[in-house]
Amino acid sequence: MRKLISLMHVSLDGFCAGPKGEMNWIALNEDIFADVETLVERSGAAVYGRTTYGMMRGYWPTVLTRPGSSAREMRHAQWVEKIEKHTFSRTLHSSDWNNVHLHKGAEAIYALKQQPGGDLLIFGSPGLTHAFLAMDAIDEFWINFNPTLLGQGIRFLDDAVRTNLTLMGQKIFENGVIRLNYVKGA
């Protein structure tokens, strides 16, 4: 059975986006990108909410033809182009991006987890993540805690049900970000 993995950047006070959805507070560097690549490489499909889908659709296809794209950006853009992309939205009715599968309700994740293939990786998508948390459908969490206090915004773990987790790994980056990854069970 495929695992559903949440990858989220979170402020120290528990927000995954600012009050207007802003993410300009996220501290990124090459070491963090390389760390995330280890998770991406074992994934068989990307999972997006509508807003994250729009951001990804607007950015990654342009990397393939943009002069000056780094080797890391090119690798990820090529992965995004070929991978299955499961997008959950009640308002999106079609997509012109290849390998996109649209789903109207969060409960469709149960059938996707039963299919063969690599793990399902949720990139950000706080609204969708909240729906999956309420369903207790997330099997693993990769959380990049950023050395920032936002004070307000979109909380990461809203709607979670009580779940025992086991720490499976951690990494401290030079820019102060700490990655923790947890799996269900204890």
C-alpha atoms as a PDB file:
ATOM      1  CA  MET A   1       0.000   0.000   0.000  1.00  0.00           C
ATOM      2  CA  ARG A   2       1.260   3.470  -0.882  1.00  0.00           C
ATOM      3  CA  LYS A   3       1.922   5.942   1.892  1.00  0.00           C
ATOM      4  CA  LEU A   4       0.580   9.479   1.884  1.00  0.00           C
ATOM      5  CA  ILE A   5       3.374  11.862   2.912  1.00  0.00           C
ATOM      6  CA  SER A   6       2.960  15.516   3.847  1.00  0.00           C
ATOM      7  CA  LEU A   7       5.866  17.859   3.030  1.00  0.00           C
ATOM      8  CA  MET A   8       5.362  21.243   4.666  1.00  0.00           C
ATOM      9  CA  HIS A   9       7.375  24.323   5.582  1.00  0.00           C
ATOM     10  CA  VAL A  10       6.189  25.574   8.977  1.00  0.00           C
ATOM     11  CA  SER A  11       6.985  28.622  11.098  1.00  0.00           C
ATOM     12  CA  LEU A  12       8.153  27.964  14.630  1.00  0.00           C
ATOM     13  CA  ASP A  13       4.713  29.035  15.888  1.00  0.00           C
ATOM     14  CA  GLY A  14       2.941  26.465  13.690  1.00  0.00           C
ATOM     15  CA  PHE A  15       1.846  28.363  10.558  1.00  0.00           C
ATOM     16  CA  CYS A  16       2.373  27.052   7.020  1.00  0.00           C
ATOM     17  CA  ALA A  17       1.379  30.322   5.312  1.00  0.00           C
ATOM     18  CA  GLY A  18       0.834  33.918   6.283  1.00  0.00           C
ATOM     19  CA  PRO A  19      -2.643  35.484   6.660  1.00  0.00           C
ATOM     20  CA  LYS A  20      -2.927  36.042   2.884  1.00  0.00           C
ATOM     21  CA  GLY A  21      -1.240  32.772   1.949  1.00  0.00           C
ATOM     22  CA  GLU A  22       2.212  34.346   1.676  1.00  0.00           C
ATOM     23  CA  MET A  23       5.235  32.085   1.852  1.00  0.00           C
ATOM     24  CA  ASN A  24       8.053  34.630   1.471  1.00  0.00           C
ATOM     25  CA  TRP A  25       9.215  33.773   5.006  1.00  0.00           C
ATOM     26  CA  ILE A  26      10.340  30.248   4.068  1.00  0.00           C
ATOM     27  CA  ALA A  27      14.117  29.840   4.374  1.00  0.00           C
ATOM     28  CA  LEU A  28      15.414  27.764   1.470  1.00  0.00           C
ATOM     29  CA  ASN A  29      18.900  26.849   0.356  1.00  0.00           C
ATOM     30  CA  GLU A  30      20.629  24.179  -1.723  1.00  0.00           C
ATOM     31  CA  ASP A  31      20.970  21.818   1.264  1.00  0.00           C
ATOM     32  CA  ILE A  32      17.214  21.911   1.886  1.00  0.00           C
ATOM     33  CA  PHE A  33      16.478  21.313  -1.802  1.00  0.00           C
ATOM     34  CA  ALA A  34      18.878  18.346  -1.805  1.00  0.00           C
ATOM     35  CA  ASP A  35      17.204  16.947   1.316  1.00  0.00           C
ATOM     36  CA  VAL A  36      13.749  17.216  -0.255  1.00  0.00           C
ATOM     37  CA  GLU A  37      15.061  15.489  -3.392  1.00  0.00           C
ATOM     38  CA  THR A  38      15.629  12.325  -1.324  1.00  0.00           C
ATOM     39  CA  LEU A  39      11.899  12.294  -0.559  1.00  0.00           C
ATOM     40  CA  VAL A  40      10.868  13.200  -4.102  1.00  0.00           C
ATOM     41  CA  GLU A  41      12.974  10.372  -5.558  1.00  0.00           C
ATOM     42  CA  ARG A  42      10.985   7.743  -3.640  1.00  0.00           C
ATOM     43  CA  SER A  43       7.624   9.256  -4.544  1.00  0.00           C
ATOM     44  CA  GLY A  44       5.378   7.901  -7.268  1.00  0.00           C
ATOM     45  CA  ALA A  45       2.951  10.805  -7.531  1.00  0.00           C
ATOM     46  CA  ALA A  46       2.500  14.427  -6.503  1.00  0.00           C
ATOM     47  CA  VAL A  47      -0.639  15.507  -4.646  1.00  0.00           C
ATOM     48  CA  TYR A  48      -1.845  19.105  -4.808  1.00  0.00           C
ATOM     49  CA  GLY A  49      -4.714  21.216  -3.630  1.00  0.00           C
ATOM     50  CA  ARG A  50      -6.115  23.720  -6.139  1.00  0.00           C
ATOM     51  CA  THR A  51      -3.948  26.681  -5.090  1.00  0.00           C
ATOM     52  CA  THR A  52      -0.697  24.711  -4.985  1.00  0.00           C
ATOM     53  CA  TYR A  53      -1.584  23.111  -8.325  1.00  0.00           C
ATOM     54  CA  GLY A  54      -1.913  26.590  -9.834  1.00  0.00           C
ATOM     55  CA  MET A  55       1.469  27.663  -8.472  1.00  0.00           C
ATOM     56  CA  MET A  56       3.174  24.487  -9.695  1.00  0.00           C
ATOM     57  CA  ARG A  57       1.465  24.642 -13.106  1.00  0.00           C
ATOM     58  CA  GLY A  58       2.536  28.248 -13.518  1.00  0.00           C
ATOM     59  CA  TYR A  59       6.168  27.646 -12.594  1.00  0.00           C
ATOM     60  CA  TRP A  60       7.662  24.208 -13.325  1.00  0.00           C
ATOM     61  CA  PRO A  61       6.834  23.910 -17.052  1.00  0.00           C
ATOM     62  CA  THR A  62       8.606  27.255 -17.633  1.00  0.00           C
ATOM     63  CA  VAL A  63      11.826  25.968 -16.055  1.00  0.00           C
ATOM     64  CA  LEU A  64      12.311  23.500 -18.910  1.00  0.00           C
ATOM     65  CA  THR A  65      12.652  26.310 -21.495  1.00  0.00           C
ATOM     66  CA  ARG A  66      14.040  29.108 -19.321  1.00  0.00           C
ATOM     67  CA  PRO A  67      17.669  30.036 -19.986  1.00  0.00           C
ATOM     68  CA  GLY A  68      19.750  29.853 -16.839  1.00  0.00           C
ATOM     69  CA  SER A  69      17.720  27.170 -15.029  1.00  0.00           C
ATOM     70  CA  SER A  70      19.990  25.299 -12.639  1.00  0.00           C
ATOM     71  CA  ALA A  71      20.670  21.585 -12.957  1.00  0.00           C
ATOM     72  CA  ARG A  72      18.626  21.006  -9.775  1.00  0.00           C
ATOM     73  CA  GLU A  73      15.685  22.979 -11.169  1.00  0.00           C
ATOM     74  CA  MET A  74      15.866  21.067 -14.455  1.00  0.00           C
ATOM     75  CA  ARG A  75      15.890  17.697 -12.667  1.00  0.00           C
ATOM     76  CA  HIS A  76      12.857  18.633 -10.593  1.00  0.00           C
ATOM     77  CA  ALA A  77      11.013  20.153 -13.573  1.00  0.00           C
ATOM     78  CA  GLN A  78      11.575  16.949 -15.547  1.00  0.00           C
ATOM     79  CA  TRP A  79      10.291  14.888 -12.604  1.00  0.00           C
ATOM     80  CA  VAL A  80       7.202  17.100 -12.278  1.00  0.00           C
ATOM     81  CA  GLU A  81       6.483  16.794 -15.997  1.00  0.00           C
ATOM     82  CA  LYS A  82       6.539  12.992 -16.036  1.00  0.00           C
ATOM     83  CA  ILE A  83       5.025  12.178 -12.613  1.00  0.00           C
ATOM     84  CA  GLU A  84       1.304  11.630 -12.001  1.00  0.00           C
ATOM     85  CA  LYS A  85      -0.212  14.744 -10.453  1.00  0.00           C
ATOM     86  CA  HIS A  86      -3.336  14.178  -8.345  1.00  0.00           C
ATOM     87  CA  THR A  87      -5.137  17.476  -7.879  1.00  0.00           C
ATOM     88  CA  PHE A  88      -8.018  17.821  -5.444  1.00  0.00           C
ATOM     89  CA  SER A  89     -10.444  20.632  -6.250  1.00  0.00           C
ATOM     90  CA  ARG A  90     -14.183  21.204  -6.285  1.00  0.00           C
ATOM     91  CA  THR A  91     -13.822  24.088  -8.762  1.00  0.00           C
ATOM     92  CA  LEU A  92     -11.170  22.924 -11.250  1.00  0.00           C
ATOM     93  CA  HIS A  93     -12.872  20.998 -14.065  1.00  0.00           C
ATOM     94  CA  SER A  94     -10.009  20.403 -16.498  1.00  0.00           C
ATOM     95  CA  SER A  95      -6.264  20.738 -16.872  1.00  0.00           C
ATOM     96  CA  ASP A  96      -3.978  21.257 -19.849  1.00  0.00           C
ATOM     97  CA  TRP A  97      -0.967  19.894 -17.952  1.00  0.00           C
ATOM     98  CA  ASN A  98       0.108  16.313 -18.669  1.00  0.00           C
ATOM     99  CA  ASN A  99      -0.542  13.471 -16.215  1.00  0.00           C
ATOM    100  CA  VAL A 100      -3.016  15.462 -14.101  1.00  0.00           C
ATOM    101  CA  HIS A 101      -5.847  13.532 -12.480  1.00  0.00           C
ATOM    102  CA  LEU A 102      -8.596  15.651 -10.954  1.00  0.00           C
ATOM    103  CA  HIS A 103     -10.481  14.574  -7.825  1.00  0.00           C
ATOM    104  CA  LYS A 104     -13.494  16.358  -6.329  1.00  0.00           C
ATOM    105  CA  GLY A 105     -13.383  14.974  -2.792  1.00  0.00           C
ATOM    106  CA  ALA A 106     -10.562  14.214  -0.339  1.00  0.00           C
ATOM    107  CA  GLU A 107     -11.906  10.689   0.214  1.00  0.00           C
ATOM    108  CA  ALA A 108     -10.499   9.721  -3.218  1.00  0.00           C
ATOM    109  CA  ILE A 109      -7.120   9.479  -1.470  1.00  0.00           C
ATOM    110  CA  TYR A 110      -8.111   6.091  -0.011  1.00  0.00           C
ATOM    111  CA  ALA A 111      -8.383   4.514  -3.483  1.00  0.00           C
ATOM    112  CA  LEU A 112      -5.121   6.147  -4.595  1.00  0.00           C
ATOM    113  CA  LYS A 113      -3.304   4.671  -1.603  1.00  0.00           C
ATOM    114  CA  GLN A 114      -4.477   1.196  -2.656  1.00  0.00           C
ATOM    115  CA  GLN A 115      -3.020   1.493  -6.164  1.00  0.00           C
ATOM    116  CA  PRO A 116       0.448   0.161  -6.964  1.00  0.00           C
ATOM    117  CA  GLY A 117       3.341   2.580  -7.234  1.00  0.00           C
ATOM    118  CA  GLY A 118       5.525   4.857  -5.181  1.00  0.00           C
ATOM    119  CA  ASP A 119       4.354   6.975  -2.290  1.00  0.00           C
ATOM    120  CA  LEU A 120       1.988   9.924  -2.690  1.00  0.00           C
ATOM    121  CA  LEU A 121       3.635  13.231  -1.785  1.00  0.00           C
ATOM    122  CA  ILE A 122       1.546  16.248  -0.761  1.00  0.00           C
ATOM    123  CA  PHE A 123       3.436  19.442  -1.556  1.00  0.00           C
ATOM    124  CA  GLY A 124       2.207  22.136   0.843  1.00  0.00           C
ATOM    125  CA  SER A 125      -1.518  22.445   0.132  1.00  0.00           C
ATOM    126  CA  PRO A 126      -2.657  23.373   3.665  1.00  0.00           C
ATOM    127  CA  GLY A 127      -6.409  23.161   2.954  1.00  0.00           C
ATOM    128  CA  LEU A 128      -6.089  19.692   1.464  1.00  0.00           C
ATOM    129  CA  THR A 129      -3.701  18.668   4.230  1.00  0.00           C
ATOM    130  CA  HIS A 130      -6.324  19.731   6.806  1.00  0.00           C
ATOM    131  CA  ALA A 131      -8.916  17.534   5.061  1.00  0.00           C
ATOM    132  CA  PHE A 132      -6.507  14.577   5.071  1.00  0.00           C
ATOM    133  CA  LEU A 133      -5.637  15.227   8.744  1.00  0.00           C
ATOM    134  CA  ALA A 134      -9.325  15.138   9.686  1.00  0.00           C
ATOM    135  CA  MET A 135      -9.564  11.778   7.896  1.00  0.00           C
ATOM    136  CA  ASP A 136      -6.368  10.499   9.585  1.00  0.00           C
ATOM    137  CA  ALA A 137      -5.104   9.645   6.080  1.00  0.00           C
ATOM    138  CA  ILE A 138      -1.526  10.977   6.319  1.00  0.00           C
ATOM    139  CA  ASP A 139       1.059   8.289   7.033  1.00  0.00           C
ATOM    140  CA  GLU A 140       4.241  10.340   7.239  1.00  0.00           C
ATOM    141  CA  PHE A 141       5.189  13.956   7.868  1.00  0.00           C
ATOM    142  CA  TRP A 142       8.269  15.834   6.628  1.00  0.00           C
ATOM    143  CA  ILE A 143       8.189  19.159   8.459  1.00  0.00           C
ATOM    144  CA  ASN A 144      10.737  21.904   7.812  1.00  0.00           C
ATOM    145  CA  PHE A 145      10.538  24.209  10.841  1.00  0.00           C
ATOM    146  CA  ASN A 146      11.678  27.698   9.893  1.00  0.00           C
ATOM    147  CA  PRO A 147      13.266  30.107  12.390  1.00  0.00           C
ATOM    148  CA  THR A 148      10.382  32.554  12.000  1.00  0.00           C
ATOM    149  CA  LEU A 149       7.413  33.565  14.132  1.00  0.00           C
ATOM    150  CA  LEU A 150       4.465  34.648  11.980  1.00  0.00           C
ATOM    151  CA  GLY A 151       1.945  35.338  14.759  1.00  0.00           C
ATOM    152  CA  GLN A 152      -0.975  34.620  12.448  1.00  0.00           C
ATOM    153  CA  GLY A 153      -1.827  32.831   9.235  1.00  0.00           C
ATOM    154  CA  ILE A 154      -2.845  29.352   8.156  1.00  0.00           C
ATOM    155  CA  ARG A 155      -2.095  26.750  10.828  1.00  0.00           C
ATOM    156  CA  PHE A 156      -0.427  23.526   9.758  1.00  0.00           C
ATOM    157  CA  LEU A 157      -2.017  20.939  12.029  1.00  0.00           C
ATOM    158  CA  ASP A 158      -5.598  22.214  12.231  1.00  0.00           C
ATOM    159  CA  ASP A 159      -8.187  19.429  12.049  1.00  0.00           C
ATOM    160  CA  ALA A 160      -5.739  16.714  13.134  1.00  0.00           C
ATOM    161  CA  VAL A 161      -7.074  13.736  15.039  1.00  0.00           C
ATOM    162  CA  ARG A 162      -5.048  12.243  17.849  1.00  0.00           C
ATOM    163  CA  THR A 163      -2.290  10.190  16.231  1.00  0.00           C
ATOM    164  CA  ASN A 164       0.823   8.670  17.780  1.00  0.00           C
ATOM    165  CA  LEU A 165       3.919   9.375  15.705  1.00  0.00           C
ATOM    166  CA  THR A 166       7.461   8.014  15.711  1.00  0.00           C
ATOM    167  CA  LEU A 167      10.428  10.210  14.881  1.00  0.00           C
ATOM    168  CA  MET A 168      12.249   8.655  11.929  1.00  0.00           C
ATOM    169  CA  GLY A 169      14.784  11.347  11.132  1.00  0.00           C
ATOM    170  CA  GLN A 170      15.920  14.883  11.652  1.00  0.00           C
ATOM    171  CA  LYS A 171      18.345  17.313  10.097  1.00  0.00           C
ATOM    172  CA  ILE A 172      19.546  20.750  11.125  1.00  0.00           C
ATOM    173  CA  PHE A 173      20.464  23.134   8.311  1.00  0.00           C
ATOM    174  CA  GLU A 174      22.956  25.997   8.557  1.00  0.00           C
ATOM    175  CA  ASN A 175      20.214  28.579   7.960  1.00  0.00           C
ATOM    176  CA  GLY A 176      18.405  27.489  11.150  1.00  0.00           C
ATOM    177  CA  VAL A 177      15.749  25.282   9.522  1.00  0.00           C
ATOM    178  CA  ILE A 178      15.161  21.965  11.272  1.00  0.00           C
ATOM    179  CA  ARG A 179      13.599  19.069   9.349  1.00  0.00           C
ATOM    180  CA  LEU A 180      11.776  16.435  11.355  1.00  0.00           C
ATOM    181  CA  ASN A 181      10.113  13.439   9.790  1.00  0.00           C
ATOM    182  CA  TYR A 182       7.574  11.315  11.608  1.00  0.00           C
ATOM    183  CA  VAL A 183       5.607   8.205  10.716  1.00  0.00           C
ATOM    184  CA  LYS A 184       2.346   6.963  12.193  1.00  0.00           C
ATOM    185  CA  GLY A 185       2.618   4.530  15.039  1.00  0.00           C
ATOM    186  CA  ALA A 186       4.492   4.369  18.296  1.00  0.00           C
END
